[in-house]
C-alpha cells in the first residue's frame, strides 16, 4: 500500500504482561520463525531521537495527531558497524519508514546538529544524493535547517523478533525499556539509564503489509490473553522517564 511517495505498513501495538508473552511466544514458534539477526531472534537496540527545542514531535504524539514524524539514529548491540539515520512517518494506523546507513563520522556530525555533509553531497555528488537510500538524509537536512533538530533522549531496549512471510509480518517483543541519561556517546555500553516502562511488562508490535494472516489474528484475539491495544510510544515513555528519574540512574 502506498500514500503519495510513502510505502505504508499496518502497525498494531499492545501492552503485554510477561505471562502473555510466554503464551504468545510458544504459539508463535509453531508457525513463525525467529529473525536471523541476533541470538535466537534477540538483539539490543539503541535509538537516539532528535527533536526541536519545543519537543514538537513529543507533544504531537501526546496530542494524538494522526499524522506525525520522528527522527532517530539507531544502532544494534552497541556496534558502529551498522548505523542508521531513520525517519518514521505515522499516518493513523499506518507507518512508513525511510532509512539511510551512515558512517561513524556522519553520526557524530548529526549529533552535533551538523548536516553539512549532506549539503556537500547534494552539491558535489548529486547522483549519489538522489539515490533512494539517501532520501532520509536529504529530508533530515531540510528539517534540521528549518527546525534545528537536536538529540533529546536515548531509548534502549531488548527486542525479540518473529517473522511470517505470508503478509510480510514482523511480530516484535520490546522489553527492558530504558531511557539514557545524556545523549553523548551512544556507543557507550555503560551509559547510565533509567527504567521507562512498567516492571514485568513489554510492548508487542505487529507490522504487516496488506493483510494479517487469519492465524495471527486469532492468536491476538485469544481469550486466554489479556492484550491491551494502545498507541505505545517508546520515545514518549523515555522522555517522561528521563525527566522523572533525573539523578536516579541504573546501569
C-alpha atoms as a PDB file:
ATOM      1  CA  UNK A   1       0.000   0.000   0.000  1.00  0.00           C
ATOM      2  CA  UNK A   2       1.236   3.476  -0.846  1.00  0.00           C
ATOM      3  CA  UNK A   3       0.349   7.063   0.009  1.00  0.00           C
ATOM      4  CA  UNK A   4       1.926   9.502  -2.434  1.00  0.00           C
ATOM      5  CA  UNK A   5       5.641   8.620  -2.195  1.00  0.00           C
ATOM      6  CA  UNK A   6       5.297   6.616   1.043  1.00  0.00           C
ATOM      7  CA  UNK A   7       5.208   2.829   1.190  1.00  0.00           C
ATOM      8  CA  UNK A   8       2.786   2.060   4.029  1.00  0.00           C
ATOM      9  CA  UNK A   9       2.545  -0.790   6.519  1.00  0.00           C
ATOM     10  CA  UNK A  10      -0.011  -1.523   9.204  1.00  0.00           C
ATOM     11  CA  UNK A  11       1.200  -1.288  12.800  1.00  0.00           C
ATOM     12  CA  UNK A  12      -0.571  -2.670  15.867  1.00  0.00           C
ATOM     13  CA  UNK A  13       0.773  -2.115  19.385  1.00  0.00           C
ATOM     14  CA  UNK A  14      -0.089  -3.874  22.639  1.00  0.00           C
ATOM     15  CA  UNK A  15       0.969  -3.738  26.257  1.00  0.00           C
ATOM     16  CA  UNK A  16       1.874  -7.312  27.203  1.00  0.00           C
ATOM     17  CA  UNK A  17       2.449  -8.976  30.559  1.00  0.00           C
ATOM     18  CA  UNK A  18       5.255 -11.480  30.967  1.00  0.00           C
ATOM     19  CA  UNK A  19       2.736 -14.338  31.246  1.00  0.00           C
ATOM     20  CA  UNK A  20       1.071 -13.299  27.967  1.00  0.00           C
ATOM     21  CA  UNK A  21       4.495 -13.006  26.357  1.00  0.00           C
ATOM     22  CA  UNK A  22       5.293 -16.625  27.233  1.00  0.00           C
ATOM     23  CA  UNK A  23       1.941 -17.784  25.810  1.00  0.00           C
ATOM     24  CA  UNK A  24       2.305 -15.739  22.633  1.00  0.00           C
ATOM     25  CA  UNK A  25       5.897 -16.798  22.152  1.00  0.00           C
ATOM     26  CA  UNK A  26       5.158 -20.516  22.494  1.00  0.00           C
ATOM     27  CA  UNK A  27       2.330 -20.265  19.950  1.00  0.00           C
ATOM     28  CA  UNK A  28       4.237 -18.055  17.530  1.00  0.00           C
ATOM     29  CA  UNK A  29       7.076 -20.566  17.370  1.00  0.00           C
ATOM     30  CA  UNK A  30       4.648 -23.061  15.784  1.00  0.00           C
ATOM     31  CA  UNK A  31       4.083 -21.049  12.603  1.00  0.00           C
ATOM     32  CA  UNK A  32       6.617 -18.201  12.603  1.00  0.00           C
ATOM     33  CA  UNK A  33      10.405 -18.105  12.629  1.00  0.00           C
ATOM     34  CA  UNK A  34      12.907 -16.026  14.520  1.00  0.00           C
ATOM     35  CA  UNK A  35      14.669 -13.162  12.796  1.00  0.00           C
ATOM     36  CA  UNK A  36      18.061 -14.397  11.611  1.00  0.00           C
ATOM     37  CA  UNK A  37      19.741 -11.424  13.292  1.00  0.00           C
ATOM     38  CA  UNK A  38      20.879 -11.713  16.886  1.00  0.00           C
ATOM     39  CA  UNK A  39      20.803 -14.805  19.066  1.00  0.00           C
ATOM     40  CA  UNK A  40      17.517 -16.727  18.950  1.00  0.00           C
ATOM     41  CA  UNK A  41      15.957 -13.689  17.310  1.00  0.00           C
ATOM     42  CA  UNK A  42      17.045 -11.353  20.122  1.00  0.00           C
ATOM     43  CA  UNK A  43      19.238  -8.295  19.917  1.00  0.00           C
ATOM     44  CA  UNK A  44      19.769  -4.977  21.650  1.00  0.00           C
ATOM     45  CA  UNK A  45      18.574  -1.707  20.092  1.00  0.00           C
ATOM     46  CA  UNK A  46      19.638   1.804  20.973  1.00  0.00           C
ATOM     47  CA  UNK A  47      17.957   4.793  19.340  1.00  0.00           C
ATOM     48  CA  UNK A  48      18.832   8.453  19.748  1.00  0.00           C
ATOM     49  CA  UNK A  49      15.759  10.585  18.984  1.00  0.00           C
ATOM     50  CA  UNK A  50      16.026  14.084  17.569  1.00  0.00           C
ATOM     51  CA  UNK A  51      13.502  16.836  18.226  1.00  0.00           C
ATOM     52  CA  UNK A  52      13.321  20.615  18.206  1.00  0.00           C
ATOM     53  CA  UNK A  53      13.598  22.998  21.139  1.00  0.00           C
ATOM     54  CA  UNK A  54       9.820  22.823  21.679  1.00  0.00           C
ATOM     55  CA  UNK A  55       9.744  18.995  21.662  1.00  0.00           C
ATOM     56  CA  UNK A  56       7.152  19.258  18.912  1.00  0.00           C
ATOM     57  CA  UNK A  57       7.312  15.567  17.942  1.00  0.00           C
ATOM     58  CA  UNK A  58       6.777  14.532  21.563  1.00  0.00           C
ATOM     59  CA  UNK A  59       3.810  16.871  22.014  1.00  0.00           C
ATOM     60  CA  UNK A  60       2.239  15.886  18.692  1.00  0.00           C
ATOM     61  CA  UNK A  61       2.264  12.266  19.827  1.00  0.00           C
ATOM     62  CA  UNK A  62       0.674  13.122  23.183  1.00  0.00           C
ATOM     63  CA  UNK A  63      -1.927  15.269  21.427  1.00  0.00           C
ATOM     64  CA  UNK A  64      -2.955  12.261  19.365  1.00  0.00           C
ATOM     65  CA  UNK A  65      -2.259  13.755  15.943  1.00  0.00           C
ATOM     66  CA  UNK A  66      -2.835  11.094  13.299  1.00  0.00           C
ATOM     67  CA  UNK A  67      -0.049  12.381  11.035  1.00  0.00           C
ATOM     68  CA  UNK A  68       3.353  12.915  12.591  1.00  0.00           C
ATOM     69  CA  UNK A  69       7.057  12.247  12.076  1.00  0.00           C
ATOM     70  CA  UNK A  70      10.037  11.225  14.199  1.00  0.00           C
ATOM     71  CA  UNK A  71      13.777  11.299  13.510  1.00  0.00           C
ATOM     72  CA  UNK A  72      16.313   8.990  15.097  1.00  0.00           C
ATOM     73  CA  UNK A  73      19.761   7.435  14.867  1.00  0.00           C
ATOM     74  CA  UNK A  74      19.720   3.687  15.508  1.00  0.00           C
ATOM     75  CA  UNK A  75      22.451   1.152  16.346  1.00  0.00           C
ATOM     76  CA  UNK A  76      22.418  -2.525  17.267  1.00  0.00           C
ATOM     77  CA  UNK A  77      24.326  -4.262  20.064  1.00  0.00           C
ATOM     78  CA  UNK A  78      26.438  -1.104  20.639  1.00  0.00           C
ATOM     79  CA  UNK A  79      28.212  -1.746  17.335  1.00  0.00           C
ATOM     80  CA  UNK A  80      29.352   1.065  14.989  1.00  0.00           C
ATOM     81  CA  UNK A  81      29.296  -1.367  12.044  1.00  0.00           C
ATOM     82  CA  UNK A  82      25.685  -0.532  11.100  1.00  0.00           C
ATOM     83  CA  UNK A  83      24.425   2.961  11.964  1.00  0.00           C
ATOM     84  CA  UNK A  84      21.104   4.124  10.550  1.00  0.00           C
ATOM     85  CA  UNK A  85      19.530   7.541  10.282  1.00  0.00           C
ATOM     86  CA  UNK A  86      15.783   6.908  10.169  1.00  0.00           C
ATOM     87  CA  UNK A  87      12.570   8.841   9.621  1.00  0.00           C
ATOM     88  CA  UNK A  88       9.339   7.251  10.807  1.00  0.00           C
ATOM     89  CA  UNK A  89       6.093   8.716   9.498  1.00  0.00           C
ATOM     90  CA  UNK A  90       2.766   7.883  11.075  1.00  0.00           C
ATOM     91  CA  UNK A  91      -0.490   8.011   9.105  1.00  0.00           C
ATOM     92  CA  UNK A  92      -3.203   6.989  11.570  1.00  0.00           C
ATOM     93  CA  UNK A  93      -2.690   3.195  11.921  1.00  0.00           C
ATOM     94  CA  UNK A  94      -0.165   3.055   9.081  1.00  0.00           C
ATOM     95  CA  UNK A  95       3.566   3.675   9.223  1.00  0.00           C
ATOM     96  CA  UNK A  96       6.244   4.484   6.696  1.00  0.00           C
ATOM     97  CA  UNK A  97       9.954   4.284   7.442  1.00  0.00           C
ATOM     98  CA  UNK A  98      12.882   5.652   5.460  1.00  0.00           C
ATOM     99  CA  UNK A  99      16.415   4.728   6.429  1.00  0.00           C
ATOM    100  CA  UNK A 100      19.932   5.759   5.393  1.00  0.00           C
ATOM    101  CA  UNK A 101      23.071   3.932   6.501  1.00  0.00           C
ATOM    102  CA  UNK A 102      25.619   6.456   7.761  1.00  0.00           C
ATOM    103  CA  UNK A 103      29.237   6.391   8.885  1.00  0.00           C
ATOM    104  CA  UNK A 104      30.515   7.000  12.414  1.00  0.00           C
ATOM    105  CA  UNK A 105      31.752  10.445  11.357  1.00  0.00           C
ATOM    106  CA  UNK A 106      28.372  11.334   9.855  1.00  0.00           C
ATOM    107  CA  UNK A 107      26.658  10.093  13.014  1.00  0.00           C
ATOM    108  CA  UNK A 108      28.844  12.369  15.141  1.00  0.00           C
ATOM    109  CA  UNK A 109      28.043  15.301  12.834  1.00  0.00           C
ATOM    110  CA  UNK A 110      24.283  14.760  13.167  1.00  0.00           C
ATOM    111  CA  UNK A 111      24.593  14.572  16.959  1.00  0.00           C
ATOM    112  CA  UNK A 112      26.352  17.958  16.834  1.00  0.00           C
ATOM    113  CA  UNK A 113      23.448  19.260  14.740  1.00  0.00           C
ATOM    114  CA  UNK A 114      25.586  19.493  11.615  1.00  0.00           C
ATOM    115  CA  UNK A 115      24.027  18.107   8.429  1.00  0.00           C
ATOM    116  CA  UNK A 116      26.566  19.953   6.295  1.00  0.00           C
ATOM    117  CA  UNK A 117      27.917  16.708   4.818  1.00  0.00           C
ATOM    118  CA  UNK A 118      24.503  16.159   3.195  1.00  0.00           C
ATOM    119  CA  UNK A 119      24.645  19.607   1.638  1.00  0.00           C
ATOM    120  CA  UNK A 120      28.139  18.837   0.335  1.00  0.00           C
ATOM    121  CA  UNK A 121      26.861  15.572  -1.115  1.00  0.00           C
ATOM    122  CA  UNK A 122      23.978  17.335  -2.877  1.00  0.00           C
ATOM    123  CA  UNK A 123      26.371  19.982  -4.234  1.00  0.00           C
ATOM    124  CA  UNK A 124      29.272  17.806  -5.370  1.00  0.00           C
ATOM    125  CA  UNK A 125      27.715  14.364  -5.995  1.00  0.00           C
ATOM    126  CA  UNK A 126      24.106  14.948  -6.981  1.00  0.00           C
ATOM    127  CA  UNK A 127      23.692  11.433  -8.391  1.00  0.00           C
ATOM    128  CA  UNK A 128      24.672   9.907  -5.037  1.00  0.00           C
ATOM    129  CA  UNK A 129      22.440  12.310  -3.107  1.00  0.00           C
ATOM    130  CA  UNK A 130      19.435  11.349  -5.242  1.00  0.00           C
ATOM    131  CA  UNK A 131      19.779   7.638  -4.508  1.00  0.00           C
ATOM    132  CA  UNK A 132      16.712   6.215  -2.669  1.00  0.00           C
ATOM    133  CA  UNK A 133      18.883   5.063   0.253  1.00  0.00           C
ATOM    134  CA  UNK A 134      19.905   8.674   0.888  1.00  0.00           C
ATOM    135  CA  UNK A 135      16.388  10.089   0.908  1.00  0.00           C
ATOM    136  CA  UNK A 136      16.175  10.077   4.713  1.00  0.00           C
ATOM    137  CA  UNK A 137      19.346  12.166   4.896  1.00  0.00           C
ATOM    138  CA  UNK A 138      18.009  14.683   2.379  1.00  0.00           C
ATOM    139  CA  UNK A 139      14.784  15.080   4.352  1.00  0.00           C
ATOM    140  CA  UNK A 140      16.710  15.336   7.616  1.00  0.00           C
ATOM    141  CA  UNK A 141      18.919  18.026   6.105  1.00  0.00           C
ATOM    142  CA  UNK A 142      15.862  20.153   5.279  1.00  0.00           C
ATOM    143  CA  UNK A 143      14.193  19.708   8.665  1.00  0.00           C
ATOM    144  CA  UNK A 144      17.425  20.299  10.561  1.00  0.00           C
ATOM    145  CA  UNK A 145      17.811  23.642   8.806  1.00  0.00           C
ATOM    146  CA  UNK A 146      14.175  24.624   9.373  1.00  0.00           C
ATOM    147  CA  UNK A 147      13.513  23.209  12.849  1.00  0.00           C
ATOM    148  CA  UNK A 148      17.038  22.935  14.324  1.00  0.00           C
ATOM    149  CA  UNK A 149      16.715  19.292  15.356  1.00  0.00           C
ATOM    150  CA  UNK A 150      18.944  18.180  18.210  1.00  0.00           C
ATOM    151  CA  UNK A 151      19.368  14.961  20.266  1.00  0.00           C
ATOM    152  CA  UNK A 152      16.745  14.647  23.014  1.00  0.00           C
ATOM    153  CA  UNK A 153      16.791  11.174  24.564  1.00  0.00           C
ATOM    154  CA  UNK A 154      18.426   7.768  24.190  1.00  0.00           C
ATOM    155  CA  UNK A 155      15.994   4.839  24.036  1.00  0.00           C
ATOM    156  CA  UNK A 156      17.323   1.374  24.940  1.00  0.00           C
ATOM    157  CA  UNK A 157      15.512  -1.962  24.800  1.00  0.00           C
ATOM    158  CA  UNK A 158      15.938  -5.640  24.010  1.00  0.00           C
ATOM    159  CA  UNK A 159      13.941  -6.983  21.077  1.00  0.00           C
ATOM    160  CA  UNK A 160      12.817 -10.468  20.109  1.00  0.00           C
ATOM    161  CA  UNK A 161      11.509 -10.794  16.558  1.00  0.00           C
ATOM    162  CA  UNK A 162       9.270 -13.358  14.861  1.00  0.00           C
ATOM    163  CA  UNK A 163       8.706 -13.305  11.094  1.00  0.00           C
ATOM    164  CA  UNK A 164       5.971 -14.693   8.859  1.00  0.00           C
ATOM    165  CA  UNK A 165       6.404 -14.479   5.080  1.00  0.00           C
ATOM    166  CA  UNK A 166       2.647 -14.574   4.496  1.00  0.00           C
ATOM    167  CA  UNK A 167       1.584 -10.942   4.762  1.00  0.00           C
ATOM    168  CA  UNK A 168       5.215  -9.955   5.431  1.00  0.00           C
ATOM    169  CA  UNK A 169       4.527  -9.913   9.175  1.00  0.00           C
ATOM    170  CA  UNK A 170       7.007  -8.910  11.868  1.00  0.00           C
ATOM    171  CA  UNK A 171       5.988  -9.563  15.460  1.00  0.00           C
ATOM    172  CA  UNK A 172       8.358  -7.916  17.923  1.00  0.00           C
ATOM    173  CA  UNK A 173       8.546  -8.059  21.706  1.00  0.00           C
ATOM    174  CA  UNK A 174      10.347  -4.998  23.099  1.00  0.00           C
ATOM    175  CA  UNK A 175      11.408  -5.483  26.715  1.00  0.00           C
ATOM    176  CA  UNK A 176      13.505  -3.748  29.376  1.00  0.00           C
ATOM    177  CA  UNK A 177      12.723  -0.290  28.002  1.00  0.00           C
ATOM    178  CA  UNK A 178      15.175   2.248  29.418  1.00  0.00           C
ATOM    179  CA  UNK A 179      15.912   5.938  28.924  1.00  0.00           C
ATOM    180  CA  UNK A 180      19.511   7.071  28.669  1.00  0.00           C
ATOM    181  CA  UNK A 181      20.760   9.905  30.826  1.00  0.00           C
ATOM    182  CA  UNK A 182      22.656  12.089  28.390  1.00  0.00           C
ATOM    183  CA  UNK A 183      22.975  11.985  24.613  1.00  0.00           C
ATOM    184  CA  UNK A 184      26.739  11.962  24.129  1.00  0.00           C
ATOM    185  CA  UNK A 185      28.459   8.715  23.175  1.00  0.00           C
ATOM    186  CA  UNK A 186      25.664   6.382  22.046  1.00  0.00           C
ATOM    187  CA  UNK A 187      28.208   3.569  21.662  1.00  0.00           C
ATOM    188  CA  UNK A 188      28.997   3.654  25.391  1.00  0.00           C
ATOM    189  CA  UNK A 189      27.906   0.341  26.918  1.00  0.00           C
ATOM    190  CA  UNK A 190      27.915   1.980  30.359  1.00  0.00           C
ATOM    191  CA  UNK A 191      25.673   4.925  29.525  1.00  0.00           C
ATOM    192  CA  UNK A 192      23.507   5.481  32.637  1.00  0.00           C
ATOM    193  CA  UNK A 193      19.845   4.582  32.071  1.00  0.00           C
ATOM    194  CA  UNK A 194      16.571   4.610  33.997  1.00  0.00           C
ATOM    195  CA  UNK A 195      13.562   2.269  33.604  1.00  0.00           C
ATOM    196  CA  UNK A 196      10.866   3.696  31.343  1.00  0.00           C
ATOM    197  CA  UNK A 197       8.077   1.097  31.403  1.00  0.00           C
ATOM    198  CA  UNK A 198       6.080  -0.884  33.929  1.00  0.00           C
ATOM    199  CA  UNK A 199       8.070  -3.678  35.549  1.00  0.00           C
ATOM    200  CA  UNK A 200       7.136  -7.104  34.200  1.00  0.00           C
ATOM    201  CA  UNK A 201       5.560  -5.687  31.039  1.00  0.00           C
ATOM    202  CA  UNK A 202       6.724  -5.234  27.469  1.00  0.00           C
ATOM    203  CA  UNK A 203       5.499  -3.761  24.200  1.00  0.00           C
ATOM    204  CA  UNK A 204       4.274  -6.016  21.404  1.00  0.00           C
ATOM    205  CA  UNK A 205       4.320  -4.589  17.886  1.00  0.00           C
ATOM    206  CA  UNK A 206       2.791  -6.333  14.889  1.00  0.00           C
ATOM    207  CA  UNK A 207       3.670  -4.869  11.482  1.00  0.00           C
ATOM    208  CA  UNK A 208       2.338  -6.183   8.173  1.00  0.00           C
ATOM    209  CA  UNK A 209       1.656  -5.133   4.600  1.00  0.00           C
ATOM    210  CA  UNK A 210      -1.788  -5.513   3.019  1.00  0.00           C
ATOM    211  CA  UNK A 211      -3.279  -8.207   5.234  1.00  0.00           C
ATOM    212  CA  UNK A 212      -2.749 -10.006   8.517  1.00  0.00           C
ATOM    213  CA  UNK A 213      -2.997 -13.806   8.222  1.00  0.00           C
ATOM    214  CA  UNK A 214      -6.033 -15.262   9.994  1.00  0.00           C
ATOM    215  CA  UNK A 215      -3.958 -17.497  12.286  1.00  0.00           C
ATOM    216  CA  UNK A 216      -2.100 -14.470  13.655  1.00  0.00           C
ATOM    217  CA  UNK A 217      -5.338 -12.522  14.001  1.00  0.00           C
ATOM    218  CA  UNK A 218      -6.842 -15.382  16.008  1.00  0.00           C
ATOM    219  CA  UNK A 219      -3.732 -15.538  18.151  1.00  0.00           C
ATOM    220  CA  UNK A 220      -4.002 -11.860  19.091  1.00  0.00           C
ATOM    221  CA  UNK A 221      -7.716 -12.276  19.904  1.00  0.00           C
ATOM    222  CA  UNK A 222      -7.284 -15.359  22.079  1.00  0.00           C
ATOM    223  CA  UNK A 223      -9.451 -15.278  25.207  1.00  0.00           C
ATOM    224  CA  UNK A 224      -6.542 -16.768  27.149  1.00  0.00           C
ATOM    225  CA  UNK A 225      -4.665 -13.494  26.728  1.00  0.00           C
ATOM    226  CA  UNK A 226      -5.344 -10.083  28.211  1.00  0.00           C
ATOM    227  CA  UNK A 227      -3.817  -7.925  25.486  1.00  0.00           C
ATOM    228  CA  UNK A 228      -4.429  -4.195  25.665  1.00  0.00           C
ATOM    229  CA  UNK A 229      -4.114  -2.443  22.308  1.00  0.00           C
ATOM    230  CA  UNK A 230      -2.778   1.093  22.568  1.00  0.00           C
ATOM    231  CA  UNK A 231      -0.579   3.614  20.811  1.00  0.00           C
ATOM    232  CA  UNK A 232       2.544   2.896  22.849  1.00  0.00           C
ATOM    233  CA  UNK A 233       5.424   5.270  22.137  1.00  0.00           C
ATOM    234  CA  UNK A 234       8.861   4.318  23.389  1.00  0.00           C
ATOM    235  CA  UNK A 235      10.076   7.841  22.677  1.00  0.00           C
ATOM    236  CA  UNK A 236       7.339   9.393  24.842  1.00  0.00           C
ATOM    237  CA  UNK A 237       7.884   6.928  27.684  1.00  0.00           C
ATOM    238  CA  UNK A 238      11.604   7.641  27.706  1.00  0.00           C
ATOM    239  CA  UNK A 239      11.135  11.424  27.604  1.00  0.00           C
ATOM    240  CA  UNK A 240       8.973  11.170  30.723  1.00  0.00           C
ATOM    241  CA  UNK A 241      11.363   8.749  32.424  1.00  0.00           C
ATOM    242  CA  UNK A 242      14.360  10.942  31.693  1.00  0.00           C
ATOM    243  CA  UNK A 243      12.600  13.839  33.386  1.00  0.00           C
ATOM    244  CA  UNK A 244      11.078  11.931  36.320  1.00  0.00           C
ATOM    245  CA  UNK A 245      14.171   9.913  37.226  1.00  0.00           C
ATOM    246  CA  UNK A 246      16.737  12.654  36.805  1.00  0.00           C
ATOM    247  CA  UNK A 247      19.637  11.684  39.008  1.00  0.00           C
ATOM    248  CA  UNK A 248      18.241   8.186  39.810  1.00  0.00           C
ATOM    249  CA  UNK A 249      20.275   6.144  37.374  1.00  0.00           C
ATOM    250  CA  UNK A 250      20.820   2.426  36.916  1.00  0.00           C
ATOM    251  CA  UNK A 251      23.397   0.601  34.791  1.00  0.00           C
END
